[in-house]
Amino acid sequence: MDCRVVVEAAVPVFDVETEDEAIRIAISKTGEMLNPDLNYVEINMGERTSPSGEELPPAFIAADEALVALELEMTVFNVEREEHASRIARKEIGMRLENIPLEVLEVEVLEDDDDDDDSSVEEDDESSAAENGDSSTTEDDASSAAEDDDSSTVEDPPADEDGDDDVLPEFEDLIE
């Protein structure tokens, strides 16, 4: 399963006067820390709202210093769960953004295009075989599915004719 993970970062910026300047510097600073190792991470301005629901700019400036909210988006491939994807994204981004707090905002599961195409082709084959009265195709599909299930299980190696497994001569004394 592949997931798109959005992580929020609070990037400090020093010696700035305007919010736009703080945002530009924060994006540049974050890009320098992430590149070249994580050049596939997208950097966007974060969204902030007040408790009353009013939209606020992503930068907060006080005493010529700013704290800028940025959203870092990356795709994590071959994960088992959404939690696993969020941990990988936090680790990969966090290793390069030292002393910058991170929070996972969103984990979205991406659809696998290959799996959908294959399953729709199999369903079309089965439905056309059923319409034609040809049951051999569906039986072949069922037997190949059963073979696939058998191949995924781990089997013990075959035993010798006397019933003992292959043991190296150095270890025969330990077994007896």
N, C-alpha and C. Protein backbone atom coordinates (compact mmCIF):
# COMPACT_ATOMS: atom_id res chain seq x y z
N MET A 1 0.85 -1.16 0.00
CA MET A 1 0.00 0.00 0.00
C MET A 1 0.91 1.23 0.00
N ASP A 2 0.54 2.24 -0.75
CA ASP A 2 1.26 3.49 -0.82
C ASP A 2 0.42 4.58 -0.16
N CYS A 3 1.09 5.51 0.54
CA CYS A 3 0.38 6.57 1.25
C CYS A 3 1.02 7.92 0.97
N ARG A 4 0.17 8.95 0.93
CA ARG A 4 0.64 10.33 0.86
C ARG A 4 0.52 10.89 2.26
N VAL A 5 1.64 11.39 2.80
CA VAL A 5 1.67 11.89 4.17
C VAL A 5 1.96 13.39 4.15
N VAL A 6 1.17 14.15 4.90
CA VAL A 6 1.38 15.59 5.05
C VAL A 6 1.81 15.85 6.48
N VAL A 7 3.00 16.48 6.62
CA VAL A 7 3.57 16.77 7.92
C VAL A 7 3.67 18.29 8.06
N GLU A 8 3.24 18.81 9.20
CA GLU A 8 3.36 20.24 9.46
C GLU A 8 4.66 20.51 10.21
N ALA A 9 5.38 21.54 9.78
CA ALA A 9 6.63 21.93 10.43
C ALA A 9 6.54 23.38 10.87
N ALA A 10 7.07 23.66 12.06
CA ALA A 10 7.13 25.03 12.57
C ALA A 10 8.57 25.51 12.42
N VAL A 11 8.83 26.31 11.38
CA VAL A 11 10.18 26.71 11.02
C VAL A 11 10.47 28.11 11.57
N PRO A 12 11.51 28.24 12.42
CA PRO A 12 11.86 29.56 12.92
C PRO A 12 12.70 30.33 11.90
N VAL A 13 12.43 31.62 11.76
CA VAL A 13 13.16 32.48 10.85
C VAL A 13 13.55 33.74 11.62
N PHE A 14 14.78 34.20 11.43
CA PHE A 14 15.28 35.34 12.19
C PHE A 14 15.53 36.54 11.28
N ASP A 15 15.48 37.74 11.87
CA ASP A 15 15.75 39.00 11.18
C ASP A 15 14.84 39.21 9.98
N VAL A 16 13.56 39.18 10.19
CA VAL A 16 12.58 39.43 9.12
C VAL A 16 11.65 40.56 9.55
N GLU A 17 11.09 41.23 8.56
CA GLU A 17 10.19 42.34 8.86
C GLU A 17 8.76 42.08 8.42
N THR A 18 8.58 41.30 7.33
CA THR A 18 7.24 41.06 6.83
C THR A 18 6.93 39.56 6.81
N GLU A 19 5.65 39.26 6.73
CA GLU A 19 5.23 37.86 6.68
C GLU A 19 5.68 37.18 5.39
N ASP A 20 5.57 37.89 4.27
CA ASP A 20 5.99 37.32 2.98
C ASP A 20 7.47 36.99 2.98
N GLU A 21 8.27 37.87 3.55
CA GLU A 21 9.71 37.63 3.63
C GLU A 21 9.98 36.41 4.51
N ALA A 22 9.28 36.28 5.61
CA ALA A 22 9.46 35.14 6.51
C ALA A 22 9.08 33.83 5.82
N ILE A 23 7.99 33.85 5.05
CA ILE A 23 7.55 32.64 4.35
C ILE A 23 8.58 32.24 3.30
N ARG A 24 9.06 33.20 2.51
CA ARG A 24 10.06 32.90 1.47
C ARG A 24 11.33 32.32 2.09
N ILE A 25 11.80 32.93 3.18
CA ILE A 25 13.02 32.45 3.82
C ILE A 25 12.80 31.06 4.42
N ALA A 26 11.65 30.83 5.03
CA ALA A 26 11.37 29.52 5.63
C ALA A 26 11.33 28.42 4.57
N ILE A 27 10.70 28.69 3.44
CA ILE A 27 10.64 27.70 2.35
C ILE A 27 12.04 27.43 1.83
N SER A 28 12.82 28.49 1.64
CA SER A 28 14.19 28.33 1.15
C SER A 28 15.05 27.55 2.14
N LYS A 29 14.94 27.90 3.41
CA LYS A 29 15.71 27.23 4.46
C LYS A 29 15.34 25.75 4.54
N THR A 30 14.06 25.45 4.47
CA THR A 30 13.60 24.06 4.53
C THR A 30 14.07 23.28 3.31
N GLY A 31 13.98 23.91 2.14
CA GLY A 31 14.45 23.27 0.91
C GLY A 31 15.93 22.94 0.96
N GLU A 32 16.74 23.84 1.52
CA GLU A 32 18.17 23.57 1.64
C GLU A 32 18.44 22.40 2.57
N MET A 33 17.68 22.30 3.66
CA MET A 33 17.89 21.20 4.60
C MET A 33 17.45 19.86 4.01
N LEU A 34 16.41 19.86 3.21
CA LEU A 34 15.88 18.61 2.65
C LEU A 34 16.66 18.14 1.42
N ASN A 35 17.13 19.06 0.59
CA ASN A 35 17.82 18.68 -0.64
C ASN A 35 19.26 18.36 -0.36
N PRO A 36 19.90 17.49 -1.08
CA PRO A 36 19.42 16.70 -2.21
C PRO A 36 18.80 15.37 -1.79
N ASP A 37 18.89 15.03 -0.49
CA ASP A 37 18.41 13.71 -0.05
C ASP A 37 16.92 13.51 -0.23
N LEU A 38 16.13 14.53 0.09
CA LEU A 38 14.68 14.40 0.02
C LEU A 38 14.11 15.41 -0.97
N ASN A 39 14.60 15.41 -2.20
CA ASN A 39 14.10 16.38 -3.18
C ASN A 39 12.69 16.06 -3.67
N TYR A 40 12.13 14.94 -3.24
CA TYR A 40 10.76 14.56 -3.62
C TYR A 40 9.72 15.05 -2.62
N VAL A 41 10.15 15.75 -1.58
CA VAL A 41 9.22 16.31 -0.60
C VAL A 41 8.73 17.66 -1.11
N GLU A 42 7.41 17.81 -1.17
CA GLU A 42 6.83 19.08 -1.60
C GLU A 42 6.67 19.99 -0.39
N ILE A 43 7.03 21.26 -0.56
CA ILE A 43 6.94 22.24 0.52
C ILE A 43 5.85 23.24 0.18
N ASN A 44 4.85 23.37 1.05
CA ASN A 44 3.74 24.31 0.85
C ASN A 44 3.56 25.15 2.10
N MET A 45 2.90 26.30 1.93
CA MET A 45 2.56 27.12 3.09
C MET A 45 1.49 26.41 3.91
N GLY A 46 1.62 26.49 5.22
CA GLY A 46 0.63 25.88 6.09
C GLY A 46 -0.59 26.78 6.23
N GLU A 47 -1.65 26.22 6.76
CA GLU A 47 -2.89 26.97 6.98
C GLU A 47 -3.11 27.08 8.49
N ARG A 48 -3.35 28.30 8.93
CA ARG A 48 -3.63 28.53 10.34
C ARG A 48 -4.96 29.25 10.48
N THR A 49 -5.66 28.97 11.56
CA THR A 49 -6.92 29.67 11.85
C THR A 49 -6.93 30.06 13.32
N SER A 50 -7.63 31.13 13.59
CA SER A 50 -7.79 31.57 14.98
C SER A 50 -8.88 30.71 15.63
N PRO A 51 -8.99 30.78 16.96
CA PRO A 51 -10.06 30.00 17.63
C PRO A 51 -11.46 30.36 17.14
N SER A 52 -11.62 31.58 16.64
CA SER A 52 -12.94 31.98 16.14
C SER A 52 -13.17 31.54 14.69
N GLY A 53 -12.15 30.93 14.07
CA GLY A 53 -12.30 30.43 12.70
C GLY A 53 -11.77 31.36 11.64
N GLU A 54 -11.18 32.48 12.04
CA GLU A 54 -10.64 33.44 11.09
C GLU A 54 -9.32 32.92 10.51
N GLU A 55 -9.14 33.04 9.19
CA GLU A 55 -7.91 32.60 8.54
C GLU A 55 -6.76 33.52 8.93
N LEU A 56 -5.62 32.93 9.28
CA LEU A 56 -4.43 33.69 9.65
C LEU A 56 -3.31 33.38 8.67
N PRO A 57 -2.36 34.29 8.48
CA PRO A 57 -1.22 33.99 7.62
C PRO A 57 -0.36 32.90 8.26
N PRO A 58 0.41 32.15 7.46
CA PRO A 58 1.20 31.05 8.01
C PRO A 58 2.38 31.50 8.86
N ALA A 59 2.70 32.80 8.88
CA ALA A 59 3.83 33.28 9.66
C ALA A 59 3.36 34.14 10.82
N PHE A 60 4.00 33.94 11.97
CA PHE A 60 3.75 34.78 13.14
C PHE A 60 5.04 35.51 13.45
N ILE A 61 5.01 36.85 13.44
CA ILE A 61 6.22 37.65 13.63
C ILE A 61 6.14 38.39 14.96
N ALA A 62 7.24 38.33 15.71
CA ALA A 62 7.40 39.09 16.95
C ALA A 62 8.88 39.40 17.12
N ALA A 63 9.21 40.67 17.34
CA ALA A 63 10.58 41.12 17.59
C ALA A 63 11.53 40.70 16.46
N ASP A 64 11.11 40.91 15.22
CA ASP A 64 11.89 40.58 14.03
C ASP A 64 12.24 39.10 13.91
N GLU A 65 11.50 38.25 14.59
CA GLU A 65 11.66 36.82 14.45
C GLU A 65 10.30 36.23 14.11
N ALA A 66 10.31 35.17 13.30
CA ALA A 66 9.05 34.59 12.85
C ALA A 66 9.03 33.08 13.07
N LEU A 67 7.84 32.59 13.24
CA LEU A 67 7.59 31.15 13.26
C LEU A 67 6.62 30.88 12.12
N VAL A 68 7.08 30.09 11.15
CA VAL A 68 6.32 29.88 9.92
C VAL A 68 5.81 28.44 9.89
N ALA A 69 4.52 28.29 9.61
CA ALA A 69 3.90 26.97 9.46
C ALA A 69 4.03 26.53 8.01
N LEU A 70 4.71 25.39 7.79
CA LEU A 70 4.85 24.82 6.45
C LEU A 70 4.28 23.41 6.45
N GLU A 71 3.73 23.02 5.31
CA GLU A 71 3.25 21.65 5.12
C GLU A 71 4.21 20.94 4.19
N LEU A 72 4.76 19.84 4.65
CA LEU A 72 5.70 19.03 3.87
C LEU A 72 4.96 17.76 3.47
N GLU A 73 4.91 17.51 2.17
CA GLU A 73 4.12 16.39 1.65
C GLU A 73 5.05 15.41 0.95
N MET A 74 4.92 14.14 1.31
CA MET A 74 5.72 13.11 0.63
C MET A 74 4.90 11.83 0.49
N THR A 75 5.28 11.01 -0.48
CA THR A 75 4.63 9.72 -0.71
C THR A 75 5.53 8.62 -0.17
N VAL A 76 4.94 7.74 0.63
CA VAL A 76 5.66 6.62 1.21
C VAL A 76 5.14 5.35 0.54
N PHE A 77 6.05 4.52 0.03
CA PHE A 77 5.67 3.34 -0.73
C PHE A 77 5.83 2.07 0.11
N ASN A 78 5.03 1.07 -0.22
CA ASN A 78 5.11 -0.29 0.35
C ASN A 78 5.05 -0.30 1.88
N VAL A 79 3.97 0.24 2.43
CA VAL A 79 3.78 0.22 3.88
C VAL A 79 2.60 -0.69 4.20
N GLU A 80 2.57 -1.16 5.43
CA GLU A 80 1.49 -2.05 5.84
C GLU A 80 0.27 -1.30 6.36
N ARG A 81 0.53 -0.19 7.11
CA ARG A 81 -0.57 0.56 7.71
C ARG A 81 -0.29 2.04 7.58
N GLU A 82 -1.31 2.84 7.82
CA GLU A 82 -1.16 4.29 7.77
C GLU A 82 -0.20 4.78 8.85
N GLU A 83 -0.25 4.16 10.02
CA GLU A 83 0.64 4.55 11.11
C GLU A 83 2.10 4.32 10.71
N HIS A 84 2.36 3.24 10.01
CA HIS A 84 3.70 2.94 9.53
C HIS A 84 4.17 4.03 8.57
N ALA A 85 3.31 4.48 7.67
CA ALA A 85 3.65 5.53 6.72
C ALA A 85 3.96 6.84 7.44
N SER A 86 3.17 7.18 8.46
CA SER A 86 3.42 8.43 9.17
C SER A 86 4.73 8.39 9.94
N ARG A 87 5.08 7.24 10.50
CA ARG A 87 6.36 7.11 11.20
C ARG A 87 7.53 7.25 10.25
N ILE A 88 7.43 6.65 9.07
CA ILE A 88 8.51 6.75 8.10
C ILE A 88 8.69 8.19 7.65
N ALA A 89 7.59 8.87 7.36
CA ALA A 89 7.67 10.27 6.90
C ALA A 89 8.28 11.15 7.99
N ARG A 90 7.83 11.00 9.22
CA ARG A 90 8.39 11.81 10.32
C ARG A 90 9.87 11.55 10.50
N LYS A 91 10.26 10.30 10.39
CA LYS A 91 11.68 9.96 10.57
C LYS A 91 12.52 10.54 9.45
N GLU A 92 12.10 10.34 8.22
CA GLU A 92 12.89 10.82 7.07
C GLU A 92 13.00 12.34 7.07
N ILE A 93 11.90 13.02 7.31
CA ILE A 93 11.92 14.49 7.32
C ILE A 93 12.61 15.00 8.58
N GLY A 94 12.32 14.40 9.72
CA GLY A 94 12.88 14.84 10.99
C GLY A 94 14.38 14.69 11.08
N MET A 95 14.94 13.70 10.39
CA MET A 95 16.40 13.52 10.40
C MET A 95 17.10 14.72 9.77
N ARG A 96 16.48 15.35 8.81
CA ARG A 96 17.11 16.46 8.10
C ARG A 96 16.72 17.83 8.66
N LEU A 97 15.57 17.91 9.31
CA LEU A 97 15.12 19.17 9.91
C LEU A 97 15.33 19.11 11.42
N GLU A 98 16.57 19.30 11.83
CA GLU A 98 16.89 19.21 13.25
C GLU A 98 16.31 20.40 14.00
N ASN A 99 15.83 20.15 15.19
CA ASN A 99 15.27 21.17 16.09
C ASN A 99 14.06 21.89 15.50
N ILE A 100 13.34 21.25 14.60
CA ILE A 100 12.11 21.80 14.05
C ILE A 100 10.99 20.84 14.40
N PRO A 101 9.99 21.30 15.15
CA PRO A 101 8.90 20.40 15.54
C PRO A 101 8.05 20.00 14.34
N LEU A 102 7.66 18.73 14.34
CA LEU A 102 6.84 18.17 13.25
C LEU A 102 5.58 17.54 13.82
N GLU A 103 4.52 17.62 13.05
CA GLU A 103 3.26 16.95 13.42
C GLU A 103 2.61 16.42 12.15
N VAL A 104 2.19 15.16 12.17
CA VAL A 104 1.52 14.56 11.02
C VAL A 104 0.09 15.10 10.96
N LEU A 105 -0.25 15.73 9.84
CA LEU A 105 -1.60 16.29 9.67
C LEU A 105 -2.54 15.32 9.00
N GLU A 106 -2.02 14.60 7.99
CA GLU A 106 -2.91 13.78 7.16
C GLU A 106 -2.14 12.61 6.57
N VAL A 107 -2.78 11.46 6.53
CA VAL A 107 -2.25 10.29 5.83
C VAL A 107 -3.35 9.81 4.90
N GLU A 108 -3.07 9.82 3.61
CA GLU A 108 -4.05 9.43 2.60
C GLU A 108 -3.54 8.20 1.86
N VAL A 109 -4.35 7.16 1.82
CA VAL A 109 -3.98 5.94 1.11
C VAL A 109 -4.19 6.17 -0.39
N LEU A 110 -3.15 5.89 -1.16
CA LEU A 110 -3.22 6.04 -2.62
C LEU A 110 -3.68 4.72 -3.23
N GLU A 111 -4.53 4.81 -4.22
CA GLU A 111 -5.03 3.62 -4.89
C GLU A 111 -3.96 3.05 -5.81
N ASP A 112 -3.84 1.72 -5.83
CA ASP A 112 -2.91 1.05 -6.73
C ASP A 112 -3.58 0.86 -8.07
N ASP A 113 -3.06 1.48 -9.11
CA ASP A 113 -3.65 1.37 -10.44
C ASP A 113 -3.45 -0.03 -11.02
N ASP A 114 -2.29 -0.65 -10.74
CA ASP A 114 -1.99 -1.96 -11.31
C ASP A 114 -2.96 -3.01 -10.79
N ASP A 115 -3.25 -2.99 -9.49
CA ASP A 115 -4.13 -4.00 -8.91
C ASP A 115 -5.55 -3.87 -9.47
N ASP A 116 -6.03 -2.64 -9.64
CA ASP A 116 -7.38 -2.43 -10.15
C ASP A 116 -7.51 -2.93 -11.58
N ASP A 117 -6.50 -2.68 -12.40
CA ASP A 117 -6.55 -3.11 -13.79
C ASP A 117 -6.58 -4.63 -13.89
N ASP A 118 -5.74 -5.30 -13.09
CA ASP A 118 -5.68 -6.76 -13.14
C ASP A 118 -6.98 -7.37 -12.68
N SER A 119 -7.57 -6.85 -11.60
CA SER A 119 -8.79 -7.46 -11.08
C SER A 119 -9.95 -7.25 -12.03
N SER A 120 -10.00 -6.10 -12.71
CA SER A 120 -11.10 -5.88 -13.64
C SER A 120 -10.97 -6.78 -14.86
N VAL A 121 -9.75 -7.09 -15.29
CA VAL A 121 -9.55 -7.99 -16.42
C VAL A 121 -10.00 -9.39 -16.03
N GLU A 122 -9.64 -9.83 -14.81
CA GLU A 122 -10.04 -11.16 -14.37
C GLU A 122 -11.56 -11.26 -14.26
N GLU A 123 -12.21 -10.21 -13.75
CA GLU A 123 -13.66 -10.24 -13.63
C GLU A 123 -14.31 -10.30 -15.01
N ASP A 124 -13.76 -9.58 -16.00
CA ASP A 124 -14.30 -9.61 -17.35
C ASP A 124 -14.16 -10.99 -17.95
N ASP A 125 -13.01 -11.65 -17.72
CA ASP A 125 -12.81 -12.99 -18.25
C ASP A 125 -13.81 -13.97 -17.63
N GLU A 126 -14.02 -13.87 -16.33
CA GLU A 126 -14.95 -14.77 -15.65
C GLU A 126 -16.38 -14.55 -16.12
N SER A 127 -16.78 -13.29 -16.28
CA SER A 127 -18.16 -13.03 -16.69
C SER A 127 -18.39 -13.47 -18.13
N SER A 128 -17.41 -13.29 -19.01
CA SER A 128 -17.59 -13.72 -20.40
C SER A 128 -17.60 -15.24 -20.49
N ALA A 129 -16.80 -15.91 -19.63
CA ALA A 129 -16.79 -17.37 -19.63
C ALA A 129 -18.12 -17.90 -19.12
N ALA A 130 -18.68 -17.26 -18.12
CA ALA A 130 -19.96 -17.70 -17.57
C ALA A 130 -21.07 -17.50 -18.59
N GLU A 131 -21.01 -16.41 -19.36
CA GLU A 131 -22.04 -16.16 -20.38
C GLU A 131 -21.97 -17.20 -21.49
N ASN A 132 -20.76 -17.62 -21.84
CA ASN A 132 -20.58 -18.58 -22.91
C ASN A 132 -20.80 -20.01 -22.44
N GLY A 133 -21.00 -20.20 -21.15
CA GLY A 133 -21.19 -21.55 -20.64
C GLY A 133 -19.89 -22.30 -20.51
N ASP A 134 -18.78 -21.63 -20.61
CA ASP A 134 -17.47 -22.25 -20.52
C ASP A 134 -17.00 -22.19 -19.08
N SER A 135 -17.04 -23.31 -18.39
CA SER A 135 -16.63 -23.33 -16.99
C SER A 135 -15.16 -23.65 -16.84
N SER A 136 -14.47 -24.06 -17.91
CA SER A 136 -13.05 -24.42 -17.78
C SER A 136 -12.21 -23.20 -17.45
N THR A 137 -12.58 -22.04 -17.96
CA THR A 137 -11.81 -20.83 -17.68
C THR A 137 -11.89 -20.49 -16.21
N THR A 138 -13.06 -20.54 -15.63
CA THR A 138 -13.20 -20.22 -14.22
C THR A 138 -12.53 -21.27 -13.35
N GLU A 139 -12.56 -22.53 -13.78
CA GLU A 139 -11.87 -23.57 -13.03
C GLU A 139 -10.38 -23.36 -13.09
N ASP A 140 -9.87 -22.96 -14.27
CA ASP A 140 -8.44 -22.69 -14.40
C ASP A 140 -8.05 -21.52 -13.49
N ASP A 141 -8.89 -20.50 -13.44
CA ASP A 141 -8.61 -19.35 -12.58
C ASP A 141 -8.60 -19.77 -11.12
N ALA A 142 -9.55 -20.64 -10.74
CA ALA A 142 -9.62 -21.10 -9.36
C ALA A 142 -8.40 -21.95 -9.01
N SER A 143 -7.96 -22.81 -9.94
CA SER A 143 -6.81 -23.65 -9.65
C SER A 143 -5.54 -22.81 -9.60
N SER A 144 -5.43 -21.79 -10.46
CA SER A 144 -4.25 -20.93 -10.41
C SER A 144 -4.25 -20.11 -9.13
N ALA A 145 -5.42 -19.71 -8.65
CA ALA A 145 -5.49 -18.98 -7.39
C ALA A 145 -5.08 -19.90 -6.24
N ALA A 146 -5.48 -21.16 -6.30
CA ALA A 146 -5.09 -22.10 -5.26
C ALA A 146 -3.58 -22.32 -5.29
N GLU A 147 -2.99 -22.39 -6.50
CA GLU A 147 -1.55 -22.54 -6.61
C GLU A 147 -0.84 -21.32 -6.04
N ASP A 148 -1.39 -20.13 -6.27
CA ASP A 148 -0.79 -18.91 -5.73
C ASP A 148 -0.80 -18.95 -4.21
N ASP A 149 -1.90 -19.45 -3.62
CA ASP A 149 -1.98 -19.54 -2.18
C ASP A 149 -0.95 -20.53 -1.65
N ASP A 150 -0.76 -21.65 -2.37
CA ASP A 150 0.22 -22.64 -1.95
C ASP A 150 1.63 -22.07 -2.03
N SER A 151 1.92 -21.26 -3.03
CA SER A 151 3.27 -20.75 -3.20
C SER A 151 3.62 -19.71 -2.15
N SER A 152 2.62 -19.10 -1.54
CA SER A 152 2.92 -18.08 -0.54
C SER A 152 3.22 -18.69 0.83
N THR A 153 2.87 -19.96 1.05
CA THR A 153 3.15 -20.59 2.33
C THR A 153 4.58 -21.12 2.33
N VAL A 154 5.18 -21.16 3.50
CA VAL A 154 6.54 -21.67 3.64
C VAL A 154 6.45 -23.14 3.94
N GLU A 155 7.17 -23.93 3.16
CA GLU A 155 7.15 -25.37 3.35
C GLU A 155 8.49 -25.83 3.89
N ASP A 156 8.47 -26.91 4.68
CA ASP A 156 9.71 -27.48 5.18
C ASP A 156 10.40 -28.22 4.04
N PRO A 157 11.73 -28.25 4.05
CA PRO A 157 12.42 -29.00 3.00
C PRO A 157 12.14 -30.49 3.15
N PRO A 158 12.17 -31.24 2.05
CA PRO A 158 11.87 -32.67 2.13
C PRO A 158 12.91 -33.41 2.98
N ALA A 159 12.46 -34.41 3.70
CA ALA A 159 13.35 -35.20 4.56
C ALA A 159 14.04 -36.27 3.73
N ASP A 160 15.19 -36.76 4.25
CA ASP A 160 15.90 -37.85 3.58
C ASP A 160 15.08 -39.12 3.70
N GLU A 161 15.60 -40.19 3.01
CA GLU A 161 14.85 -41.43 3.05
C GLU A 161 14.82 -42.04 4.43
N ASP A 162 15.86 -41.81 5.27
CA ASP A 162 15.84 -42.38 6.61
C ASP A 162 15.09 -41.50 7.60
N GLY A 163 14.54 -40.37 7.14
CA GLY A 163 13.71 -39.54 7.99
C GLY A 163 14.45 -38.37 8.62
N ASP A 164 15.77 -38.31 8.51
CA ASP A 164 16.53 -37.21 9.11
C ASP A 164 16.67 -36.08 8.10
N ASP A 165 16.67 -34.85 8.61
CA ASP A 165 16.93 -33.71 7.75
C ASP A 165 18.42 -33.65 7.45
N ASP A 166 18.79 -32.92 6.42
CA ASP A 166 20.20 -32.77 6.09
C ASP A 166 20.89 -31.99 7.19
N VAL A 167 21.92 -32.59 7.77
CA VAL A 167 22.68 -31.97 8.85
C VAL A 167 24.14 -32.02 8.46
N LEU A 168 24.82 -30.93 8.68
CA LEU A 168 26.25 -30.90 8.41
C LEU A 168 26.96 -31.83 9.38
N PRO A 169 28.04 -32.47 8.91
CA PRO A 169 28.74 -33.45 9.78
C PRO A 169 29.24 -32.83 11.08
N GLU A 170 29.58 -31.54 11.07
CA GLU A 170 30.09 -30.90 12.27
C GLU A 170 29.04 -30.84 13.38
N PHE A 171 27.75 -30.86 13.00
CA PHE A 171 26.68 -30.68 13.97
C PHE A 171 25.99 -32.00 14.34
N GLU A 172 26.38 -33.11 13.73
CA GLU A 172 25.74 -34.39 14.04
C GLU A 172 25.92 -34.77 15.51
N ASP A 173 27.10 -34.48 16.08
CA ASP A 173 27.36 -34.82 17.47
C ASP A 173 26.44 -34.04 18.41
N LEU A 174 26.12 -32.80 18.06
CA LEU A 174 25.26 -31.99 18.91
C LEU A 174 23.83 -32.50 18.92
N ILE A 175 23.37 -33.04 17.82
CA ILE A 175 21.99 -33.50 17.71
C ILE A 175 21.78 -34.81 18.44
N GLU A 176 22.76 -35.69 18.41
CA GLU A 176 22.61 -37.02 19.02
C GLU A 176 22.63 -37.03 20.48
